[in-house]
Amino acid sequence: MRIINIVEVDDNVVLNIDSFPVFEEQLSNDVAEEVEELFKDIVSKKIDANDDEMDAYFKNGVYRSNGYSCSIVLSYLDIGDE
């Protein structure tokens, strides 16, 4: 199973992790839209960025400023044959 995580860190302390599991039968585009919306919402609370800047942060998967970061991290979980 793939998991898309949005990880917020400030001064090397994890503030929050939002995780979005992507199951095989699920359309990953639906999950990607949710991740994009949440990522942009989180970053927009930190800075006033235009759409192009926000798209660039999302495309890079990270926003960093003054010890704070909001990152998109893809992870995998092997749950075996159940």
PDB file of N, CA and C in Angstrom:
ATOM      1  N   MET A   1       0.849  -1.165   0.000  1.00  0.00           N
ATOM      2  CA  MET A   1       0.000   0.000   0.000  1.00  0.00           C
ATOM      3  C   MET A   1       0.898   1.232   0.000  1.00  0.00           C
ATOM      4  N   ARG A   2       0.512   2.206  -0.800  1.00  0.00           N
ATOM      5  CA  ARG A   2       1.215   3.486  -0.800  1.00  0.00           C
ATOM      6  C   ARG A   2       0.527   4.429   0.180  1.00  0.00           C
ATOM      7  N   ILE A   3       1.316   5.269   0.806  1.00  0.00           N
ATOM      8  CA  ILE A   3       0.784   6.265   1.734  1.00  0.00           C
ATOM      9  C   ILE A   3       1.419   7.604   1.387  1.00  0.00           C
ATOM     10  N   ILE A   4       0.591   8.605   1.182  1.00  0.00           N
ATOM     11  CA  ILE A   4       1.081   9.962   0.952  1.00  0.00           C
ATOM     12  C   ILE A   4       0.932  10.710   2.257  1.00  0.00           C
ATOM     13  N   ASN A   5       2.044  11.277   2.739  1.00  0.00           N
ATOM     14  CA  ASN A   5       2.055  11.986   4.023  1.00  0.00           C
ATOM     15  C   ASN A   5       2.372  13.458   3.811  1.00  0.00           C
ATOM     16  N   ILE A   6       1.721  14.292   4.566  1.00  0.00           N
ATOM     17  CA  ILE A   6       2.088  15.705   4.653  1.00  0.00           C
ATOM     18  C   ILE A   6       2.657  15.896   6.049  1.00  0.00           C
ATOM     19  N   VAL A   7       3.934  16.269   6.098  1.00  0.00           N
ATOM     20  CA  VAL A   7       4.655  16.358   7.369  1.00  0.00           C
ATOM     21  C   VAL A   7       5.035  17.808   7.635  1.00  0.00           C
ATOM     22  N   GLU A   8       4.608  18.322   8.780  1.00  0.00           N
ATOM     23  CA  GLU A   8       4.982  19.676   9.197  1.00  0.00           C
ATOM     24  C   GLU A   8       6.028  19.581  10.305  1.00  0.00           C
ATOM     25  N   VAL A   9       7.128  20.319  10.119  1.00  0.00           N
ATOM     26  CA  VAL A   9       8.222  20.328  11.087  1.00  0.00           C
ATOM     27  C   VAL A   9       8.598  21.776  11.372  1.00  0.00           C
ATOM     28  N   ASP A  10       8.828  22.089  12.643  1.00  0.00           N
ATOM     29  CA  ASP A  10       9.299  23.416  13.031  1.00  0.00           C
ATOM     30  C   ASP A  10      10.446  23.256  14.012  1.00  0.00           C
ATOM     31  N   ASP A  11      11.587  23.820  13.678  1.00  0.00           N
ATOM     32  CA  ASP A  11      12.787  23.712  14.514  1.00  0.00           C
ATOM     33  C   ASP A  11      13.080  22.267  14.913  1.00  0.00           C
ATOM     34  N   ASN A  12      13.049  21.372  13.918  1.00  0.00           N
ATOM     35  CA  ASN A  12      13.353  19.946  14.086  1.00  0.00           C
ATOM     36  C   ASN A  12      12.364  19.195  14.975  1.00  0.00           C
ATOM     37  N   VAL A  13      11.189  19.758  15.174  1.00  0.00           N
ATOM     38  CA  VAL A  13      10.141  19.092  15.945  1.00  0.00           C
ATOM     39  C   VAL A  13       8.962  18.837  15.007  1.00  0.00           C
ATOM     40  N   VAL A  14       8.532  17.584  14.932  1.00  0.00           N
ATOM     41  CA  VAL A  14       7.389  17.248  14.088  1.00  0.00           C
ATOM     42  C   VAL A  14       6.125  17.808  14.741  1.00  0.00           C
ATOM     43  N   LEU A  15       5.443  18.678  14.012  1.00  0.00           N
ATOM     44  CA  LEU A  15       4.211  19.279  14.517  1.00  0.00           C
ATOM     45  C   LEU A  15       2.993  18.443  14.173  1.00  0.00           C
ATOM     46  N   ASN A  16       2.990  17.905  12.946  1.00  0.00           N
ATOM     47  CA  ASN A  16       1.806  17.205  12.485  1.00  0.00           C
ATOM     48  C   ASN A  16       2.157  16.318  11.298  1.00  0.00           C
ATOM     49  N   ILE A  17       1.472  15.185  11.207  1.00  0.00           N
ATOM     50  CA  ILE A  17       1.559  14.319  10.039  1.00  0.00           C
ATOM     51  C   ILE A  17       0.141  13.941   9.635  1.00  0.00           C
ATOM     52  N   ASP A  18      -0.210  14.268   8.408  1.00  0.00           N
ATOM     53  CA  ASP A  18      -1.484  13.847   7.840  1.00  0.00           C
ATOM     54  C   ASP A  18      -1.170  12.774   6.812  1.00  0.00           C
ATOM     55  N   SER A  19      -1.815  11.616   6.928  1.00  0.00           N
ATOM     56  CA  SER A  19      -1.525  10.492   6.044  1.00  0.00           C
ATOM     57  C   SER A  19      -2.743  10.125   5.216  1.00  0.00           C
ATOM     58  N   PHE A  20      -2.475   9.806   3.956  1.00  0.00           N
ATOM     59  CA  PHE A  20      -3.518   9.442   3.008  1.00  0.00           C
ATOM     60  C   PHE A  20      -3.159   8.107   2.378  1.00  0.00           C
ATOM     61  N   PRO A  21      -3.783   7.013   2.831  1.00  0.00           N
ATOM     62  CA  PRO A  21      -3.493   5.711   2.230  1.00  0.00           C
ATOM     63  C   PRO A  21      -4.092   5.626   0.834  1.00  0.00           C
ATOM     64  N   VAL A  22      -3.361   4.983  -0.063  1.00  0.00           N
ATOM     65  CA  VAL A  22      -3.841   4.779  -1.426  1.00  0.00           C
ATOM     66  C   VAL A  22      -3.960   3.271  -1.625  1.00  0.00           C
ATOM     67  N   PHE A  23      -5.173   2.782  -1.640  1.00  0.00           N
ATOM     68  CA  PHE A  23      -5.423   1.361  -1.836  1.00  0.00           C
ATOM     69  C   PHE A  23      -5.484   1.065  -3.324  1.00  0.00           C
ATOM     70  N   GLU A  24      -5.185  -0.153  -3.708  1.00  0.00           N
ATOM     71  CA  GLU A  24      -5.137  -0.533  -5.117  1.00  0.00           C
ATOM     72  C   GLU A  24      -6.441  -0.215  -5.845  1.00  0.00           C
ATOM     73  N   GLU A  25      -7.554  -0.462  -5.196  1.00  0.00           N
ATOM     74  CA  GLU A  25      -8.836  -0.251  -5.862  1.00  0.00           C
ATOM     75  C   GLU A  25      -9.256   1.220  -5.882  1.00  0.00           C
ATOM     76  N   GLN A  26      -8.529   2.058  -5.202  1.00  0.00           N
ATOM     77  CA  GLN A  26      -8.868   3.470  -5.092  1.00  0.00           C
ATOM     78  C   GLN A  26      -8.166   4.257  -6.191  1.00  0.00           C
ATOM     79  N   LEU A  27      -8.838   5.258  -6.709  1.00  0.00           N
ATOM     80  CA  LEU A  27      -8.225   6.111  -7.711  1.00  0.00           C
ATOM     81  C   LEU A  27      -7.234   7.049  -7.031  1.00  0.00           C
ATOM     82  N   SER A  28      -5.977   6.937  -7.391  1.00  0.00           N
ATOM     83  CA  SER A  28      -4.960   7.759  -6.753  1.00  0.00           C
ATOM     84  C   SER A  28      -5.130   9.235  -7.079  1.00  0.00           C
ATOM     85  N   ASN A  29      -5.798   9.562  -8.191  1.00  0.00           N
ATOM     86  CA  ASN A  29      -6.042  10.973  -8.527  1.00  0.00           C
ATOM     87  C   ASN A  29      -6.915  11.650  -7.481  1.00  0.00           C
ATOM     88  N   ASP A  30      -7.887  10.914  -6.949  1.00  0.00           N
ATOM     89  CA  ASP A  30      -8.749  11.468  -5.903  1.00  0.00           C
ATOM     90  C   ASP A  30      -7.932  11.815  -4.667  1.00  0.00           C
ATOM     91  N   VAL A  31      -7.052  10.917  -4.285  1.00  0.00           N
ATOM     92  CA  VAL A  31      -6.206  11.145  -3.116  1.00  0.00           C
ATOM     93  C   VAL A  31      -5.247  12.301  -3.387  1.00  0.00           C
ATOM     94  N   ALA A  32      -4.662  12.339  -4.581  1.00  0.00           N
ATOM     95  CA  ALA A  32      -3.719  13.406  -4.937  1.00  0.00           C
ATOM     96  C   ALA A  32      -4.386  14.778  -4.854  1.00  0.00           C
ATOM     97  N   GLU A  33      -5.633  14.869  -5.250  1.00  0.00           N
ATOM     98  CA  GLU A  33      -6.360  16.134  -5.151  1.00  0.00           C
ATOM     99  C   GLU A  33      -6.554  16.543  -3.696  1.00  0.00           C
ATOM    100  N   GLU A  34      -6.865  15.583  -2.844  1.00  0.00           N
ATOM    101  CA  GLU A  34      -7.005  15.873  -1.410  1.00  0.00           C
ATOM    102  C   GLU A  34      -5.693  16.358  -0.815  1.00  0.00           C
ATOM    103  N   VAL A  35      -4.608  15.683  -1.188  1.00  0.00           N
ATOM    104  CA  VAL A  35      -3.285  16.044  -0.686  1.00  0.00           C
ATOM    105  C   VAL A  35      -2.924  17.453  -1.151  1.00  0.00           C
ATOM    106  N   GLU A  36      -3.153  17.736  -2.424  1.00  0.00           N
ATOM    107  CA  GLU A  36      -2.841  19.063  -2.963  1.00  0.00           C
ATOM    108  C   GLU A  36      -3.625  20.149  -2.239  1.00  0.00           C
ATOM    109  N   GLU A  37      -4.904  19.911  -2.036  1.00  0.00           N
ATOM    110  CA  GLU A  37      -5.749  20.900  -1.354  1.00  0.00           C
ATOM    111  C   GLU A  37      -5.260  21.155   0.075  1.00  0.00           C
ATOM    112  N   LEU A  38      -4.962  20.100   0.823  1.00  0.00           N
ATOM    113  CA  LEU A  38      -4.513  20.262   2.206  1.00  0.00           C
ATOM    114  C   LEU A  38      -3.141  20.926   2.260  1.00  0.00           C
ATOM    115  N   PHE A  39      -2.204  20.491   1.408  1.00  0.00           N
ATOM    116  CA  PHE A  39      -0.870  21.079   1.382  1.00  0.00           C
ATOM    117  C   PHE A  39      -0.958  22.584   1.132  1.00  0.00           C
ATOM    118  N   LYS A  40      -1.706  22.970   0.127  1.00  0.00           N
ATOM    119  CA  LYS A  40      -1.828  24.394  -0.212  1.00  0.00           C
ATOM    120  C   LYS A  40      -2.526  25.172   0.900  1.00  0.00           C
ATOM    121  N   ASP A  41      -3.490  24.549   1.567  1.00  0.00           N
ATOM    122  CA  ASP A  41      -4.175  25.195   2.677  1.00  0.00           C
ATOM    123  C   ASP A  41      -3.214  25.441   3.839  1.00  0.00           C
ATOM    124  N   ILE A  42      -2.401  24.447   4.155  1.00  0.00           N
ATOM    125  CA  ILE A  42      -1.424  24.582   5.240  1.00  0.00           C
ATOM    126  C   ILE A  42      -0.422  25.689   4.921  1.00  0.00           C
ATOM    127  N   VAL A  43       0.131  25.658   3.712  1.00  0.00           N
ATOM    128  CA  VAL A  43       1.145  26.650   3.324  1.00  0.00           C
ATOM    129  C   VAL A  43       0.538  28.048   3.253  1.00  0.00           C
ATOM    130  N   SER A  44      -0.702  28.154   2.790  1.00  0.00           N
ATOM    131  CA  SER A  44      -1.330  29.478   2.676  1.00  0.00           C
ATOM    132  C   SER A  44      -1.549  30.134   4.037  1.00  0.00           C
ATOM    133  N   LYS A  45      -1.564  29.338   5.102  1.00  0.00           N
ATOM    134  CA  LYS A  45      -1.673  29.900   6.449  1.00  0.00           C
ATOM    135  C   LYS A  45      -0.337  30.467   6.928  1.00  0.00           C
ATOM    136  N   LYS A  46       0.754  30.069   6.265  1.00  0.00           N
ATOM    137  CA  LYS A  46       2.087  30.547   6.627  1.00  0.00           C
ATOM    138  C   LYS A  46       2.528  31.748   5.803  1.00  0.00           C
ATOM    139  N   ILE A  47       2.128  31.789   4.516  1.00  0.00           N
ATOM    140  CA  ILE A  47       2.558  32.869   3.625  1.00  0.00           C
ATOM    141  C   ILE A  47       1.411  33.292   2.715  1.00  0.00           C
ATOM    142  N   ASP A  48       1.563  34.475   2.157  1.00  0.00           N
ATOM    143  CA  ASP A  48       0.610  34.961   1.161  1.00  0.00           C
ATOM    144  C   ASP A  48       1.263  34.763  -0.205  1.00  0.00           C
ATOM    145  N   ALA A  49       0.938  33.658  -0.867  1.00  0.00           N
ATOM    146  CA  ALA A  49       1.557  33.320  -2.150  1.00  0.00           C
ATOM    147  C   ALA A  49       0.505  33.317  -3.250  1.00  0.00           C
ATOM    148  N   ASN A  50       0.941  33.694  -4.451  1.00  0.00           N
ATOM    149  CA  ASN A  50       0.009  33.626  -5.571  1.00  0.00           C
ATOM    150  C   ASN A  50      -0.098  32.180  -6.057  1.00  0.00           C
ATOM    151  N   ASP A  51      -0.982  31.938  -7.006  1.00  0.00           N
ATOM    152  CA  ASP A  51      -1.230  30.572  -7.468  1.00  0.00           C
ATOM    153  C   ASP A  51       0.018  29.923  -8.074  1.00  0.00           C
ATOM    154  N   ASP A  52       0.801  30.688  -8.837  1.00  0.00           N
ATOM    155  CA  ASP A  52       2.009  30.133  -9.450  1.00  0.00           C
ATOM    156  C   ASP A  52       3.028  29.704  -8.393  1.00  0.00           C
ATOM    157  N   GLU A  53       3.208  30.533  -7.370  1.00  0.00           N
ATOM    158  CA  GLU A  53       4.136  30.193  -6.291  1.00  0.00           C
ATOM    159  C   GLU A  53       3.645  28.949  -5.539  1.00  0.00           C
ATOM    160  N   MET A  54       2.360  28.908  -5.259  1.00  0.00           N
ATOM    161  CA  MET A  54       1.786  27.778  -4.536  1.00  0.00           C
ATOM    162  C   MET A  54       1.920  26.496  -5.356  1.00  0.00           C
ATOM    163  N   ASP A  55       1.691  26.597  -6.671  1.00  0.00           N
ATOM    164  CA  ASP A  55       1.859  25.432  -7.546  1.00  0.00           C
ATOM    165  C   ASP A  55       3.304  24.953  -7.542  1.00  0.00           C
ATOM    166  N   ALA A  56       4.249  25.886  -7.513  1.00  0.00           N
ATOM    167  CA  ALA A  56       5.672  25.519  -7.483  1.00  0.00           C
ATOM    168  C   ALA A  56       6.021  24.794  -6.179  1.00  0.00           C
ATOM    169  N   TYR A  57       5.517  25.279  -5.054  1.00  0.00           N
ATOM    170  CA  TYR A  57       5.759  24.594  -3.774  1.00  0.00           C
ATOM    171  C   TYR A  57       5.194  23.170  -3.829  1.00  0.00           C
ATOM    172  N   PHE A  58       3.982  23.053  -4.362  1.00  0.00           N
ATOM    173  CA  PHE A  58       3.349  21.730  -4.436  1.00  0.00           C
ATOM    174  C   PHE A  58       4.131  20.816  -5.374  1.00  0.00           C
ATOM    175  N   LYS A  59       4.526  21.337  -6.519  1.00  0.00           N
ATOM    176  CA  LYS A  59       5.279  20.527  -7.490  1.00  0.00           C
ATOM    177  C   LYS A  59       6.596  20.035  -6.890  1.00  0.00           C
ATOM    178  N   ASN A  60       7.259  20.886  -6.120  1.00  0.00           N
ATOM    179  CA  ASN A  60       8.498  20.499  -5.447  1.00  0.00           C
ATOM    180  C   ASN A  60       8.242  19.616  -4.229  1.00  0.00           C
ATOM    181  N   GLY A  61       7.018  19.649  -3.718  1.00  0.00           N
ATOM    182  CA  GLY A  61       6.658  18.822  -2.574  1.00  0.00           C
ATOM    183  C   GLY A  61       7.138  19.343  -1.249  1.00  0.00           C
ATOM    184  N   VAL A  62       7.538  20.628  -1.224  1.00  0.00           N
ATOM    185  CA  VAL A  62       8.036  21.164   0.046  1.00  0.00           C
ATOM    186  C   VAL A  62       7.938  22.689   0.059  1.00  0.00           C
ATOM    187  N   TYR A  63       7.633  23.212   1.244  1.00  0.00           N
ATOM    188  CA  TYR A  63       7.735  24.646   1.537  1.00  0.00           C
ATOM    189  C   TYR A  63       8.620  24.756   2.762  1.00  0.00           C
ATOM    190  N   ARG A  64       9.651  25.620   2.698  1.00  0.00           N
ATOM    191  CA  ARG A  64      10.566  25.821   3.839  1.00  0.00           C
ATOM    192  C   ARG A  64      10.753  27.302   4.095  1.00  0.00           C
ATOM    193  N   SER A  65      10.783  27.665   5.369  1.00  0.00           N
ATOM    194  CA  SER A  65      11.065  29.044   5.753  1.00  0.00           C
ATOM    195  C   SER A  65      11.351  29.122   7.243  1.00  0.00           C
ATOM    196  N   ASN A  66      12.476  29.725   7.595  1.00  0.00           N
ATOM    197  CA  ASN A  66      12.826  30.008   8.994  1.00  0.00           C
ATOM    198  C   ASN A  66      12.653  28.818   9.931  1.00  0.00           C
ATOM    199  N   GLY A  67      13.181  27.666   9.534  1.00  0.00           N
ATOM    200  CA  GLY A  67      13.123  26.486  10.396  1.00  0.00           C
ATOM    201  C   GLY A  67      11.841  25.691  10.302  1.00  0.00           C
ATOM    202  N   TYR A  68      10.864  26.187   9.560  1.00  0.00           N
ATOM    203  CA  TYR A  68       9.589  25.494   9.371  1.00  0.00           C
ATOM    204  C   TYR A  68       9.597  24.830   8.001  1.00  0.00           C
ATOM    205  N   SER A  69       9.025  23.644   7.921  1.00  0.00           N
ATOM    206  CA  SER A  69       8.836  23.020   6.616  1.00  0.00           C
ATOM    207  C   SER A  69       7.530  22.239   6.591  1.00  0.00           C
ATOM    208  N   CYS A  70       6.953  22.202   5.416  1.00  0.00           N
ATOM    209  CA  CYS A  70       5.781  21.384   5.139  1.00  0.00           C
ATOM    210  C   CYS A  70       6.150  20.569   3.911  1.00  0.00           C
ATOM    211  N   SER A  71       6.191  19.243   4.062  1.00  0.00           N
ATOM    212  CA  SER A  71       6.686  18.371   2.999  1.00  0.00           C
ATOM    213  C   SER A  71       5.679  17.286   2.664  1.00  0.00           C
ATOM    214  N   ILE A  72       5.701  16.882   1.399  1.00  0.00           N
ATOM    215  CA  ILE A  72       4.923  15.734   0.952  1.00  0.00           C
ATOM    216  C   ILE A  72       5.893  14.567   0.843  1.00  0.00           C
ATOM    217  N   VAL A  73       5.572  13.483   1.556  1.00  0.00           N
ATOM    218  CA  VAL A  73       6.455  12.329   1.621  1.00  0.00           C
ATOM    219  C   VAL A  73       5.660  11.079   1.238  1.00  0.00           C
ATOM    220  N   LEU A  74       6.177  10.341   0.274  1.00  0.00           N
ATOM    221  CA  LEU A  74       5.543   9.099  -0.149  1.00  0.00           C
ATOM    222  C   LEU A  74       6.200   7.938   0.584  1.00  0.00           C
ATOM    223  N   SER A  75       5.381   7.072   1.141  1.00  0.00           N
ATOM    224  CA  SER A  75       5.922   5.889   1.816  1.00  0.00           C
ATOM    225  C   SER A  75       5.125   4.662   1.374  1.00  0.00           C
ATOM    226  N   TYR A  76       5.688   3.517   1.659  1.00  0.00           N
ATOM    227  CA  TYR A  76       5.069   2.248   1.284  1.00  0.00           C
ATOM    228  C   TYR A  76       4.941   1.371   2.516  1.00  0.00           C
ATOM    229  N   LEU A  77       3.869   0.615   2.556  1.00  0.00           N
ATOM    230  CA  LEU A  77       3.629  -0.305   3.648  1.00  0.00           C
ATOM    231  C   LEU A  77       3.304  -1.671   3.053  1.00  0.00           C
ATOM    232  N   ASP A  78       4.101  -2.653   3.400  1.00  0.00           N
ATOM    233  CA  ASP A  78       3.870  -3.999   2.912  1.00  0.00           C
ATOM    234  C   ASP A  78       2.996  -4.712   3.934  1.00  0.00           C
ATOM    235  N   ILE A  79       1.735  -4.917   3.578  1.00  0.00           N
ATOM    236  CA  ILE A  79       0.819  -5.538   4.515  1.00  0.00           C
ATOM    237  C   ILE A  79       0.664  -7.038   4.236  1.00  0.00           C
ATOM    238  N   GLY A  80       1.421  -7.542   3.263  1.00  0.00           N
ATOM    239  CA  GLY A  80       1.421  -8.972   2.974  1.00  0.00           C
ATOM    240  C   GLY A  80       0.132  -9.441   2.346  1.00  0.00           C
ATOM    241  N   ASP A  81       0.016 -10.727   2.193  1.00  0.00           N
ATOM    242  CA  ASP A  81      -1.190 -11.319   1.607  1.00  0.00           C
ATOM    243  C   ASP A  81      -2.173 -11.616   2.717  1.00  0.00           C
ATOM    244  N   GLU A  82      -3.257 -10.879   2.698  1.00  0.00           N
ATOM    245  CA  GLU A  82      -4.292 -11.100   3.730  1.00  0.00           C
ATOM    246  C   GLU A  82      -5.547 -11.597   3.090  1.00  0.00           C
TER     247      GLU A  82
END
